[in-house]
N, C-alpha and C. Protein backbone atom coordinates (compact mmCIF):
# COMPACT_ATOMS: atom_id res chain seq x y z
N MET A 1 -112.95 2.26 85.90
CA MET A 1 -112.61 3.37 85.01
C MET A 1 -111.84 2.81 83.81
N LYS A 2 -112.23 3.26 82.65
CA LYS A 2 -111.59 2.76 81.44
C LYS A 2 -110.16 3.29 81.35
N PRO A 3 -109.27 2.52 80.74
CA PRO A 3 -107.85 2.92 80.65
C PRO A 3 -107.68 4.28 80.02
N TYR A 4 -108.41 4.56 78.91
CA TYR A 4 -108.18 5.84 78.23
C TYR A 4 -108.68 6.99 79.09
N THR A 5 -109.68 6.74 79.98
CA THR A 5 -110.18 7.80 80.87
C THR A 5 -109.15 8.13 81.94
N ARG A 6 -108.51 7.06 82.50
CA ARG A 6 -107.44 7.28 83.49
C ARG A 6 -106.30 8.08 82.87
N PHE A 7 -105.94 7.76 81.67
CA PHE A 7 -104.85 8.47 80.97
C PHE A 7 -105.20 9.94 80.77
N THR A 8 -106.47 10.20 80.42
CA THR A 8 -106.92 11.58 80.21
C THR A 8 -106.84 12.37 81.51
N LEU A 9 -107.25 11.77 82.63
CA LEU A 9 -107.20 12.45 83.93
C LEU A 9 -105.76 12.73 84.35
N LEU A 10 -104.86 11.77 84.11
CA LEU A 10 -103.45 11.98 84.47
C LEU A 10 -102.85 13.13 83.68
N CYS A 11 -103.17 13.20 82.39
CA CYS A 11 -102.66 14.30 81.57
C CYS A 11 -103.20 15.63 82.04
N LEU A 12 -104.53 15.64 82.39
CA LEU A 12 -105.14 16.88 82.87
C LEU A 12 -104.50 17.33 84.17
N GLY A 13 -104.20 16.37 85.08
CA GLY A 13 -103.57 16.71 86.36
C GLY A 13 -102.18 17.27 86.14
N ALA A 14 -101.46 16.66 85.24
CA ALA A 14 -100.10 17.15 84.95
C ALA A 14 -100.15 18.55 84.38
N PHE A 15 -101.13 18.80 83.52
CA PHE A 15 -101.26 20.13 82.91
C PHE A 15 -101.59 21.19 83.96
N LEU A 16 -102.52 20.85 84.87
CA LEU A 16 -102.91 21.80 85.91
C LEU A 16 -101.74 22.07 86.87
N THR A 17 -100.99 21.01 87.17
CA THR A 17 -99.84 21.18 88.08
C THR A 17 -98.80 22.10 87.47
N SER A 18 -98.50 21.89 86.17
CA SER A 18 -97.49 22.73 85.52
C SER A 18 -97.99 24.15 85.36
N SER A 19 -99.29 24.32 85.17
CA SER A 19 -99.86 25.66 84.99
C SER A 19 -99.83 26.45 86.27
N CYS A 20 -99.99 25.76 87.41
CA CYS A 20 -100.04 26.45 88.70
C CYS A 20 -98.66 26.66 89.31
N SER A 21 -97.61 26.01 88.78
CA SER A 21 -96.26 26.18 89.33
C SER A 21 -95.74 27.58 89.03
N PRO A 22 -95.03 28.19 90.00
CA PRO A 22 -94.48 29.54 89.75
C PRO A 22 -93.44 29.50 88.64
N PRO A 23 -93.38 30.54 87.81
CA PRO A 23 -92.40 30.56 86.72
C PRO A 23 -90.98 30.62 87.26
N ALA A 24 -90.05 30.08 86.51
CA ALA A 24 -88.64 30.10 86.92
C ALA A 24 -88.13 31.54 86.99
N ALA A 25 -87.29 31.81 87.98
CA ALA A 25 -86.74 33.16 88.14
C ALA A 25 -85.85 33.49 86.95
N PRO A 26 -85.94 34.71 86.44
CA PRO A 26 -85.08 35.09 85.30
C PRO A 26 -83.62 35.19 85.74
N PRO A 27 -82.68 34.94 84.85
CA PRO A 27 -81.26 35.04 85.22
C PRO A 27 -80.91 36.47 85.60
N PRO A 28 -79.94 36.64 86.51
CA PRO A 28 -79.55 38.01 86.91
C PRO A 28 -78.96 38.77 85.74
N PRO A 29 -79.16 40.07 85.69
CA PRO A 29 -78.61 40.85 84.58
C PRO A 29 -77.09 40.86 84.60
N ALA A 30 -76.52 40.96 83.44
CA ALA A 30 -75.06 41.02 83.35
C ALA A 30 -74.56 42.31 83.98
N PRO A 31 -73.42 42.26 84.70
CA PRO A 31 -72.90 43.47 85.34
C PRO A 31 -72.54 44.52 84.30
N GLN A 32 -72.80 45.76 84.63
CA GLN A 32 -72.50 46.87 83.74
C GLN A 32 -71.87 48.00 84.53
N PHE A 33 -71.15 48.88 83.82
CA PHE A 33 -70.63 50.07 84.48
C PHE A 33 -71.79 50.96 84.86
N TRP A 34 -71.75 51.51 86.06
CA TRP A 34 -72.83 52.38 86.51
C TRP A 34 -72.99 53.58 85.60
N GLY A 35 -71.87 54.10 85.13
CA GLY A 35 -71.94 55.31 84.32
C GLY A 35 -71.83 55.06 82.82
N GLY A 36 -71.99 53.81 82.40
CA GLY A 36 -71.86 53.51 80.98
C GLY A 36 -70.41 53.35 80.57
N ASP A 37 -70.14 53.49 79.31
CA ASP A 37 -68.78 53.32 78.80
C ASP A 37 -67.85 54.39 79.37
N MET A 38 -66.61 53.97 79.65
CA MET A 38 -65.62 54.90 80.16
C MET A 38 -64.88 55.55 78.99
N LYS A 39 -64.87 56.85 78.95
CA LYS A 39 -64.23 57.58 77.87
C LYS A 39 -63.04 58.36 78.42
N PRO A 40 -61.84 58.11 77.91
CA PRO A 40 -60.66 58.81 78.43
C PRO A 40 -60.68 60.29 78.08
N VAL A 41 -60.03 61.07 78.91
CA VAL A 41 -59.92 62.51 78.69
C VAL A 41 -58.51 62.86 78.22
N VAL A 42 -57.51 62.18 78.77
CA VAL A 42 -56.12 62.50 78.45
C VAL A 42 -55.39 61.25 78.01
N SER A 43 -54.17 61.43 77.53
CA SER A 43 -53.32 60.32 77.10
C SER A 43 -52.69 59.62 78.30
N VAL A 44 -52.06 58.48 78.06
CA VAL A 44 -51.35 57.77 79.12
C VAL A 44 -50.26 58.66 79.72
N LYS A 45 -49.53 59.35 78.87
CA LYS A 45 -48.44 60.21 79.34
C LYS A 45 -48.97 61.30 80.27
N GLU A 46 -50.10 61.90 79.92
CA GLU A 46 -50.68 62.95 80.76
C GLU A 46 -51.28 62.37 82.03
N LEU A 47 -51.88 61.19 81.94
CA LEU A 47 -52.43 60.54 83.12
C LEU A 47 -51.32 60.24 84.12
N MET A 48 -50.19 59.78 83.63
CA MET A 48 -49.06 59.52 84.52
C MET A 48 -48.56 60.80 85.16
N ARG A 49 -48.40 61.84 84.36
CA ARG A 49 -47.84 63.11 84.85
C ARG A 49 -48.76 63.82 85.83
N ASP A 50 -50.05 63.85 85.52
CA ASP A 50 -50.98 64.68 86.28
C ASP A 50 -51.71 63.95 87.40
N VAL A 51 -51.72 62.62 87.36
CA VAL A 51 -52.47 61.87 88.38
C VAL A 51 -51.59 60.88 89.12
N LEU A 52 -51.02 59.91 88.40
CA LEU A 52 -50.30 58.83 89.07
C LEU A 52 -49.00 59.30 89.72
N ASP A 53 -48.25 60.14 89.04
CA ASP A 53 -46.99 60.63 89.63
C ASP A 53 -47.22 61.43 90.91
N PRO A 54 -48.14 62.41 90.93
CA PRO A 54 -48.38 63.15 92.17
C PRO A 54 -48.86 62.26 93.31
N LEU A 55 -49.70 61.28 92.99
CA LEU A 55 -50.17 60.37 94.03
C LEU A 55 -49.03 59.52 94.58
N SER A 56 -48.16 59.06 93.70
CA SER A 56 -47.04 58.23 94.15
C SER A 56 -46.08 59.02 95.03
N ASP A 57 -45.98 60.33 94.83
CA ASP A 57 -45.11 61.15 95.67
C ASP A 57 -45.54 61.12 97.14
N ASN A 58 -46.84 60.93 97.39
CA ASN A 58 -47.32 60.83 98.77
C ASN A 58 -46.70 59.62 99.47
N ILE A 59 -46.28 58.65 98.68
CA ILE A 59 -45.65 57.45 99.24
C ILE A 59 -44.13 57.57 99.18
N PHE A 60 -43.61 57.96 98.01
CA PHE A 60 -42.16 58.08 97.83
C PHE A 60 -41.53 59.04 98.85
N LEU A 61 -42.15 60.18 99.05
CA LEU A 61 -41.55 61.23 99.87
C LEU A 61 -41.90 61.12 101.35
N ALA A 62 -42.73 60.12 101.70
CA ALA A 62 -43.14 60.00 103.10
C ALA A 62 -41.98 59.59 104.01
N VAL A 63 -41.11 58.73 103.49
CA VAL A 63 -39.92 58.30 104.24
C VAL A 63 -38.71 58.59 103.38
N ALA A 64 -37.92 59.56 103.79
CA ALA A 64 -36.78 59.97 102.98
C ALA A 64 -35.73 60.64 103.85
N SER A 65 -34.54 60.71 103.34
CA SER A 65 -33.43 61.39 104.02
C SER A 65 -32.96 62.53 103.13
N GLU A 66 -32.80 63.68 103.73
CA GLU A 66 -32.38 64.87 102.99
C GLU A 66 -31.06 65.38 103.56
N VAL A 67 -30.09 65.56 102.68
CA VAL A 67 -28.79 66.06 103.10
C VAL A 67 -28.81 67.58 103.03
N THR A 68 -28.61 68.22 104.18
CA THR A 68 -28.62 69.68 104.25
C THR A 68 -27.28 70.17 104.78
N ALA A 69 -27.14 71.48 104.85
CA ALA A 69 -25.91 72.07 105.39
C ALA A 69 -25.70 71.69 106.84
N LYS A 70 -26.78 71.38 107.54
CA LYS A 70 -26.70 71.01 108.96
C LYS A 70 -26.59 69.51 109.16
N GLY A 71 -26.55 68.76 108.07
CA GLY A 71 -26.48 67.31 108.18
C GLY A 71 -27.67 66.63 107.53
N THR A 72 -27.79 65.34 107.78
CA THR A 72 -28.87 64.56 107.18
C THR A 72 -30.14 64.71 108.00
N VAL A 73 -31.23 65.03 107.31
CA VAL A 73 -32.54 65.19 107.97
C VAL A 73 -33.45 64.07 107.47
N ASP A 74 -34.00 63.31 108.41
CA ASP A 74 -34.89 62.20 108.06
C ASP A 74 -36.34 62.66 108.11
N HIS A 75 -37.09 62.25 107.11
CA HIS A 75 -38.52 62.56 107.05
C HIS A 75 -39.30 61.26 107.14
N MET A 76 -40.34 61.25 107.97
CA MET A 76 -41.20 60.08 108.10
C MET A 76 -42.54 60.52 108.68
N PRO A 77 -43.61 59.79 108.44
CA PRO A 77 -44.91 60.17 108.99
C PRO A 77 -44.91 60.10 110.52
N LYS A 78 -45.41 61.14 111.13
CA LYS A 78 -45.46 61.18 112.59
C LYS A 78 -46.86 61.44 113.13
N THR A 79 -47.61 62.25 112.44
CA THR A 79 -48.95 62.63 112.90
C THR A 79 -50.02 61.88 112.09
N ASP A 80 -51.26 61.95 112.60
CA ASP A 80 -52.38 61.35 111.87
C ASP A 80 -52.54 62.01 110.49
N GLU A 81 -52.24 63.30 110.45
CA GLU A 81 -52.34 64.02 109.18
C GLU A 81 -51.30 63.49 108.18
N ASP A 82 -50.10 63.20 108.67
CA ASP A 82 -49.05 62.65 107.80
C ASP A 82 -49.49 61.31 107.21
N TRP A 83 -50.04 60.45 108.07
CA TRP A 83 -50.46 59.13 107.61
C TRP A 83 -51.67 59.22 106.69
N ALA A 84 -52.53 60.21 106.93
CA ALA A 84 -53.69 60.40 106.04
C ALA A 84 -53.23 60.77 104.64
N LYS A 85 -52.16 61.54 104.55
CA LYS A 85 -51.62 61.91 103.24
C LYS A 85 -51.07 60.68 102.52
N VAL A 86 -50.43 59.79 103.26
CA VAL A 86 -49.93 58.55 102.66
C VAL A 86 -51.09 57.70 102.16
N ARG A 87 -52.15 57.64 102.97
CA ARG A 87 -53.32 56.85 102.56
C ARG A 87 -53.96 57.44 101.30
N THR A 88 -53.99 58.76 101.21
CA THR A 88 -54.52 59.39 100.00
C THR A 88 -53.75 58.91 98.77
N GLY A 89 -52.44 58.86 98.89
CA GLY A 89 -51.62 58.38 97.78
C GLY A 89 -51.90 56.92 97.47
N ALA A 90 -52.05 56.10 98.51
CA ALA A 90 -52.27 54.67 98.32
C ALA A 90 -53.62 54.37 97.66
N VAL A 91 -54.66 55.00 98.20
CA VAL A 91 -56.00 54.78 97.63
C VAL A 91 -56.06 55.30 96.20
N GLY A 92 -55.52 56.49 95.99
CA GLY A 92 -55.53 57.05 94.65
C GLY A 92 -54.77 56.19 93.66
N LEU A 93 -53.63 55.65 94.10
CA LEU A 93 -52.82 54.80 93.22
C LEU A 93 -53.56 53.50 92.89
N ALA A 94 -54.18 52.89 93.90
CA ALA A 94 -54.89 51.64 93.68
C ALA A 94 -56.06 51.82 92.72
N GLU A 95 -56.76 52.92 92.85
CA GLU A 95 -57.92 53.16 91.99
C GLU A 95 -57.50 53.69 90.61
N ALA A 96 -56.63 54.68 90.59
CA ALA A 96 -56.28 55.34 89.32
C ALA A 96 -55.47 54.43 88.41
N SER A 97 -54.78 53.45 88.97
CA SER A 97 -54.00 52.55 88.12
C SER A 97 -54.90 51.83 87.11
N TYR A 98 -56.14 51.56 87.49
CA TYR A 98 -57.05 50.87 86.59
C TYR A 98 -57.50 51.76 85.43
N LEU A 99 -57.27 53.06 85.52
CA LEU A 99 -57.56 53.93 84.38
C LEU A 99 -56.64 53.61 83.21
N LEU A 100 -55.53 52.94 83.50
CA LEU A 100 -54.62 52.53 82.42
C LEU A 100 -55.20 51.39 81.60
N LYS A 101 -56.29 50.78 82.08
CA LYS A 101 -56.96 49.74 81.33
C LYS A 101 -57.89 50.32 80.26
N VAL A 102 -58.23 51.60 80.40
CA VAL A 102 -59.12 52.24 79.43
C VAL A 102 -58.31 52.60 78.19
N PRO A 103 -58.67 52.11 77.02
CA PRO A 103 -57.91 52.46 75.81
C PRO A 103 -57.85 53.97 75.60
N ARG A 104 -56.65 54.47 75.36
CA ARG A 104 -56.44 55.91 75.19
C ARG A 104 -55.14 56.11 74.43
N PRO A 105 -54.91 57.29 73.85
CA PRO A 105 -53.62 57.56 73.20
C PRO A 105 -52.48 57.45 74.22
N PHE A 106 -51.30 57.14 73.75
CA PHE A 106 -50.16 57.02 74.66
C PHE A 106 -49.47 58.36 74.90
N ALA A 107 -49.72 59.33 74.06
CA ALA A 107 -49.15 60.66 74.23
C ALA A 107 -50.09 61.66 73.57
N PRO A 108 -50.00 62.93 73.95
CA PRO A 108 -50.85 63.93 73.29
C PRO A 108 -50.55 64.00 71.79
N ALA A 109 -51.49 64.49 71.04
CA ALA A 109 -51.31 64.62 69.60
C ALA A 109 -50.06 65.44 69.29
N GLY A 110 -49.22 64.93 68.41
CA GLY A 110 -48.00 65.62 68.02
C GLY A 110 -46.80 65.31 68.89
N ASP A 111 -47.00 64.66 70.02
CA ASP A 111 -45.90 64.31 70.93
C ASP A 111 -45.41 62.90 70.58
N GLU A 112 -44.20 62.79 70.08
CA GLU A 112 -43.64 61.50 69.68
C GLU A 112 -42.65 60.96 70.69
N ASN A 113 -42.67 61.51 71.91
CA ASN A 113 -41.68 61.15 72.93
C ASN A 113 -40.28 61.49 72.40
N ASN A 114 -39.27 61.07 73.09
CA ASN A 114 -37.90 61.30 72.65
C ASN A 114 -37.48 60.09 71.81
N SER A 115 -38.14 59.95 70.64
CA SER A 115 -38.01 58.72 69.87
C SER A 115 -37.36 58.91 68.50
N THR A 116 -36.77 60.07 68.28
CA THR A 116 -36.15 60.31 66.97
C THR A 116 -34.63 60.09 67.05
N GLY A 117 -34.03 59.80 65.92
CA GLY A 117 -32.59 59.59 65.88
C GLY A 117 -32.24 58.11 65.89
N PRO A 118 -31.00 57.78 65.57
CA PRO A 118 -30.59 56.37 65.46
C PRO A 118 -30.59 55.63 66.79
N ASP A 119 -30.28 56.32 67.87
CA ASP A 119 -30.25 55.68 69.20
C ASP A 119 -31.26 56.36 70.12
N ALA A 120 -32.49 56.45 69.65
CA ALA A 120 -33.54 57.12 70.43
C ALA A 120 -33.73 56.43 71.78
N PRO A 121 -33.74 57.19 72.88
CA PRO A 121 -33.87 56.57 74.20
C PRO A 121 -35.27 56.11 74.54
N GLU A 122 -36.29 56.61 73.83
CA GLU A 122 -37.67 56.27 74.14
C GLU A 122 -38.39 55.71 72.91
N LEU A 123 -39.43 54.94 73.17
CA LEU A 123 -40.28 54.45 72.09
C LEU A 123 -41.29 55.51 71.71
N SER A 124 -41.69 55.52 70.47
CA SER A 124 -42.75 56.42 70.02
C SER A 124 -44.09 55.87 70.49
N PRO A 125 -45.14 56.69 70.52
CA PRO A 125 -46.47 56.19 70.90
C PRO A 125 -46.91 55.01 70.02
N ALA A 126 -46.59 55.06 68.72
CA ALA A 126 -46.97 53.96 67.83
C ALA A 126 -46.25 52.67 68.21
N GLN A 127 -44.98 52.77 68.59
CA GLN A 127 -44.22 51.59 69.00
C GLN A 127 -44.75 51.01 70.31
N ILE A 128 -45.12 51.90 71.23
CA ILE A 128 -45.69 51.44 72.51
C ILE A 128 -47.00 50.70 72.25
N LYS A 129 -47.83 51.27 71.40
CA LYS A 129 -49.10 50.63 71.07
C LYS A 129 -48.89 49.26 70.45
N ALA A 130 -47.91 49.15 69.58
CA ALA A 130 -47.61 47.87 68.94
C ALA A 130 -47.18 46.83 69.96
N LYS A 131 -46.36 47.24 70.94
CA LYS A 131 -45.92 46.31 71.99
C LYS A 131 -47.11 45.85 72.82
N LEU A 132 -48.00 46.77 73.17
CA LEU A 132 -49.16 46.42 73.97
C LEU A 132 -50.06 45.44 73.21
N GLU A 133 -50.30 45.72 71.94
CA GLU A 133 -51.16 44.85 71.14
C GLU A 133 -50.54 43.47 70.94
N LYS A 134 -49.23 43.41 70.94
CA LYS A 134 -48.55 42.13 70.79
C LYS A 134 -48.63 41.30 72.07
N ASP A 135 -48.61 41.98 73.22
CA ASP A 135 -48.64 41.27 74.51
C ASP A 135 -49.51 42.04 75.50
N PRO A 136 -50.82 42.03 75.33
CA PRO A 136 -51.69 42.76 76.26
C PRO A 136 -51.66 42.19 77.68
N VAL A 137 -51.34 40.90 77.81
CA VAL A 137 -51.28 40.29 79.14
C VAL A 137 -50.17 40.94 79.97
N LEU A 138 -49.04 41.25 79.32
CA LEU A 138 -47.94 41.90 80.02
C LEU A 138 -48.36 43.29 80.50
N TRP A 139 -49.07 44.03 79.66
CA TRP A 139 -49.56 45.36 80.05
C TRP A 139 -50.47 45.26 81.27
N GLN A 140 -51.38 44.29 81.26
CA GLN A 140 -52.29 44.12 82.39
C GLN A 140 -51.51 43.73 83.65
N ALA A 141 -50.48 42.92 83.50
CA ALA A 141 -49.69 42.50 84.66
C ALA A 141 -48.98 43.69 85.29
N LYS A 142 -48.47 44.60 84.47
CA LYS A 142 -47.79 45.78 85.00
C LYS A 142 -48.77 46.68 85.76
N ILE A 143 -49.99 46.77 85.25
CA ILE A 143 -51.02 47.56 85.93
C ILE A 143 -51.35 46.94 87.29
N GLU A 144 -51.49 45.62 87.32
CA GLU A 144 -51.81 44.94 88.57
C GLU A 144 -50.67 45.11 89.59
N ALA A 145 -49.44 45.09 89.12
CA ALA A 145 -48.30 45.28 90.03
C ALA A 145 -48.36 46.66 90.68
N LEU A 146 -48.71 47.67 89.90
CA LEU A 146 -48.83 49.02 90.44
C LEU A 146 -49.97 49.11 91.44
N ARG A 147 -51.09 48.53 91.08
CA ARG A 147 -52.26 48.55 91.97
C ARG A 147 -51.96 47.82 93.28
N ASN A 148 -51.24 46.72 93.20
CA ASN A 148 -50.93 45.95 94.41
C ASN A 148 -50.10 46.75 95.40
N VAL A 149 -49.24 47.64 94.91
CA VAL A 149 -48.48 48.48 95.82
C VAL A 149 -49.43 49.43 96.57
N GLY A 150 -50.41 49.99 95.85
CA GLY A 150 -51.39 50.84 96.51
C GLY A 150 -52.12 50.08 97.61
N LEU A 151 -52.53 48.84 97.33
CA LEU A 151 -53.21 48.02 98.34
C LEU A 151 -52.27 47.71 99.51
N GLU A 152 -51.02 47.45 99.19
CA GLU A 152 -50.02 47.17 100.23
C GLU A 152 -49.87 48.36 101.18
N VAL A 153 -49.78 49.55 100.63
CA VAL A 153 -49.59 50.74 101.45
C VAL A 153 -50.84 51.04 102.28
N MET A 154 -52.00 50.76 101.76
CA MET A 154 -53.22 50.95 102.53
C MET A 154 -53.19 50.13 103.82
N GLU A 155 -52.68 48.90 103.74
CA GLU A 155 -52.55 48.06 104.93
C GLU A 155 -51.46 48.59 105.87
N ILE A 156 -50.39 49.11 105.30
CA ILE A 156 -49.30 49.66 106.11
C ILE A 156 -49.77 50.86 106.92
N VAL A 157 -50.61 51.69 106.30
CA VAL A 157 -51.13 52.87 107.00
C VAL A 157 -51.92 52.46 108.24
N LYS A 158 -52.66 51.37 108.15
CA LYS A 158 -53.44 50.90 109.30
C LYS A 158 -52.53 50.61 110.50
N LYS A 159 -51.34 50.10 110.21
CA LYS A 159 -50.40 49.73 111.27
C LYS A 159 -49.43 50.85 111.61
N LYS A 160 -49.39 51.88 110.74
CA LYS A 160 -48.45 52.99 110.90
C LYS A 160 -47.02 52.46 111.05
N ASP A 161 -46.65 51.59 110.14
CA ASP A 161 -45.35 50.93 110.16
C ASP A 161 -44.40 51.67 109.22
N THR A 162 -43.51 52.48 109.78
CA THR A 162 -42.61 53.29 108.98
C THR A 162 -41.63 52.45 108.17
N LYS A 163 -41.10 51.40 108.80
CA LYS A 163 -40.15 50.52 108.09
C LYS A 163 -40.83 49.87 106.89
N ALA A 164 -42.03 49.37 107.08
CA ALA A 164 -42.75 48.74 105.96
C ALA A 164 -43.07 49.75 104.88
N LEU A 165 -43.33 51.00 105.28
CA LEU A 165 -43.61 52.04 104.29
C LEU A 165 -42.37 52.34 103.45
N PHE A 166 -41.22 52.33 104.08
CA PHE A 166 -39.96 52.53 103.34
C PHE A 166 -39.78 51.42 102.32
N ASP A 167 -40.03 50.17 102.73
CA ASP A 167 -39.90 49.04 101.81
C ASP A 167 -40.92 49.13 100.68
N ALA A 168 -42.12 49.61 100.99
CA ALA A 168 -43.16 49.75 99.97
C ALA A 168 -42.76 50.79 98.93
N GLY A 169 -42.00 51.80 99.36
CA GLY A 169 -41.50 52.78 98.40
C GLY A 169 -40.60 52.12 97.37
N GLU A 170 -39.81 51.15 97.80
CA GLU A 170 -38.97 50.41 96.86
C GLU A 170 -39.83 49.54 95.94
N ASP A 171 -40.91 48.97 96.50
CA ASP A 171 -41.82 48.17 95.67
C ASP A 171 -42.47 49.05 94.61
N LEU A 172 -42.83 50.26 95.00
CA LEU A 172 -43.46 51.18 94.06
C LEU A 172 -42.48 51.58 92.96
N ASP A 173 -41.25 51.85 93.35
CA ASP A 173 -40.24 52.22 92.37
C ASP A 173 -40.02 51.07 91.38
N ALA A 174 -40.00 49.84 91.89
CA ALA A 174 -39.81 48.67 91.03
C ALA A 174 -40.99 48.49 90.07
N ALA A 175 -42.21 48.68 90.58
CA ALA A 175 -43.40 48.52 89.74
C ALA A 175 -43.40 49.53 88.60
N CYS A 176 -43.04 50.77 88.92
CA CYS A 176 -43.01 51.82 87.90
C CYS A 176 -41.90 51.56 86.89
N GLU A 177 -40.71 51.28 87.40
CA GLU A 177 -39.55 51.15 86.52
C GLU A 177 -39.66 49.91 85.63
N ASN A 178 -40.18 48.82 86.18
CA ASN A 178 -40.32 47.60 85.38
C ASN A 178 -41.28 47.81 84.21
N CYS A 179 -42.31 48.61 84.44
CA CYS A 179 -43.24 48.91 83.35
C CYS A 179 -42.58 49.83 82.32
N HIS A 180 -41.87 50.84 82.79
CA HIS A 180 -41.21 51.78 81.88
C HIS A 180 -40.16 51.07 81.01
N LEU A 181 -39.46 50.11 81.62
CA LEU A 181 -38.42 49.39 80.88
C LEU A 181 -38.99 48.46 79.82
N GLU A 182 -40.26 48.18 79.92
CA GLU A 182 -40.91 47.36 78.89
C GLU A 182 -41.56 48.23 77.82
N PHE A 183 -42.24 49.30 78.26
CA PHE A 183 -43.11 50.03 77.34
C PHE A 183 -42.68 51.46 77.03
N TRP A 184 -41.62 51.95 77.68
CA TRP A 184 -41.25 53.34 77.45
C TRP A 184 -39.82 53.45 76.95
N TYR A 185 -38.86 52.98 77.74
CA TYR A 185 -37.46 53.06 77.31
C TYR A 185 -36.77 51.70 77.54
N PRO A 186 -37.15 50.69 76.76
CA PRO A 186 -36.56 49.35 76.93
C PRO A 186 -35.08 49.29 76.65
N GLY A 187 -34.53 50.28 75.93
CA GLY A 187 -33.11 50.29 75.63
C GLY A 187 -32.24 50.44 76.86
N GLN A 188 -32.82 50.87 77.98
CA GLN A 188 -32.03 51.09 79.20
C GLN A 188 -31.97 49.85 80.10
N LYS A 189 -32.55 48.75 79.65
CA LYS A 189 -32.58 47.54 80.48
C LYS A 189 -31.20 47.09 80.92
N ASN A 190 -30.23 47.18 80.02
CA ASN A 190 -28.89 46.68 80.34
C ASN A 190 -28.18 47.52 81.39
N SER A 191 -28.50 48.81 81.46
CA SER A 191 -27.80 49.69 82.40
C SER A 191 -28.50 49.76 83.76
N MET A 192 -29.71 49.22 83.86
CA MET A 192 -30.47 49.39 85.10
C MET A 192 -29.99 48.53 86.27
N PRO A 193 -29.55 47.28 86.08
CA PRO A 193 -29.17 46.47 87.24
C PRO A 193 -28.11 47.12 88.13
N LYS A 194 -27.06 47.71 87.52
CA LYS A 194 -26.02 48.34 88.33
C LYS A 194 -26.57 49.55 89.09
N LEU A 195 -27.40 50.34 88.40
CA LEU A 195 -27.99 51.51 89.06
C LEU A 195 -28.92 51.08 90.19
N ASP A 196 -29.71 50.04 89.96
CA ASP A 196 -30.61 49.56 91.00
C ASP A 196 -29.84 49.07 92.21
N LYS A 197 -28.74 48.37 91.97
CA LYS A 197 -27.93 47.88 93.08
C LYS A 197 -27.38 49.04 93.89
N MET A 198 -26.89 50.06 93.23
CA MET A 198 -26.33 51.22 93.92
C MET A 198 -27.42 51.92 94.74
N LEU A 199 -28.63 52.09 94.16
CA LEU A 199 -29.71 52.75 94.86
C LEU A 199 -30.17 51.94 96.07
N ARG A 200 -30.22 50.61 95.92
CA ARG A 200 -30.62 49.76 97.05
C ARG A 200 -29.62 49.87 98.20
N GLU A 201 -28.34 49.90 97.85
CA GLU A 201 -27.32 50.02 98.90
C GLU A 201 -27.42 51.35 99.61
N MET A 202 -27.66 52.42 98.84
CA MET A 202 -27.81 53.74 99.46
C MET A 202 -29.05 53.79 100.35
N SER A 203 -30.14 53.20 99.88
CA SER A 203 -31.38 53.20 100.65
C SER A 203 -31.23 52.41 101.94
N ALA A 204 -30.58 51.26 101.84
CA ALA A 204 -30.36 50.43 103.03
C ALA A 204 -29.50 51.16 104.06
N LYS A 205 -28.51 51.88 103.56
CA LYS A 205 -27.63 52.63 104.46
C LYS A 205 -28.40 53.72 105.19
N HIS A 206 -29.22 54.47 104.45
CA HIS A 206 -30.02 55.53 105.07
C HIS A 206 -31.01 54.95 106.06
N ALA A 207 -31.62 53.80 105.74
CA ALA A 207 -32.58 53.19 106.63
C ALA A 207 -31.92 52.73 107.92
N ALA A 208 -30.72 52.17 107.79
CA ALA A 208 -29.98 51.72 108.97
C ALA A 208 -29.60 52.91 109.87
N GLU A 209 -29.16 53.99 109.26
CA GLU A 209 -28.80 55.18 110.02
C GLU A 209 -30.01 55.77 110.73
N ALA A 210 -31.16 55.77 110.05
CA ALA A 210 -32.38 56.31 110.65
C ALA A 210 -32.83 55.47 111.83
N THR A 211 -32.65 54.16 111.75
CA THR A 211 -33.07 53.26 112.82
C THR A 211 -32.25 53.47 114.09
N HIS A 212 -30.97 53.78 113.93
CA HIS A 212 -30.09 53.91 115.08
C HIS A 212 -30.07 55.33 115.66
N ARG A 213 -30.82 56.25 115.08
CA ARG A 213 -30.84 57.61 115.64
C ARG A 213 -31.83 57.69 116.79
């Protein structure tokens, strides 16, 4: 066989082999939201008031001490229904916290928070927006801290651990307050350590009394 004939056959074989090979699989599609773009309905202030605050109460109020005319009354989850209510708060908090990632106004139209005057205790919506735009990583970190408490409480509900639930209430309070001190009323940062210490001491005292009853 002549050299150029062998070369022609080799090229033809290579062509047939490549033609018969299955085509490469297309790359997987990029992940997308099932429902398309997320469009906010309310401001951050309204979302906190109408969704996140009520959900957090399912955790905050689950373990508490109430001083009455007859003495101190301790509240804690006892029934499956009680624990289900705590789980509702935990799941709702873990999921709804991510709604804070959706860009939205910080307050309803015309609401400037308590931000007027020389020593205004709160930031205006425009000031909050400026802080977020300057450090969006900090905003995301505060959201994750809140979500993590929801995940923490979901695990606590599985074990029905009242002591851990009490501690998680403090974690939730810290997550909320640390965010507020950055983005809502940062002027109160200096006064918070003493108040936090006093509240921790009171909480520890109530927890100790509840344990020994």
